[in-house]
Amino acid sequence: MIGFIILVSMKKNMEIKLALLNRSMESTKGAAKPIVWWIVLSTVWGIVSIFLIVWMFHFAV
């Protein structure tokens, strides 16, 4: 639950950074790197969470 709250709170910051990148015509490859990392790590966090939930129910039976 704590991880979900942190993820949602970081989402707003990433949306602001993305809006600034879209407005800036000279956006560089390095400026988008934190957004890409946020997307990748959020995806990994989701996959690991699903795996842990399935694993927990597997041993609960």
Foldseek 3Di string as FASTA:
>chain_A
DVVVVVLVVVVVVLVVLVVVQVVDPPDDPVSCVVVVVSVVVVVVVVVVVVVVVVVVVVVVD
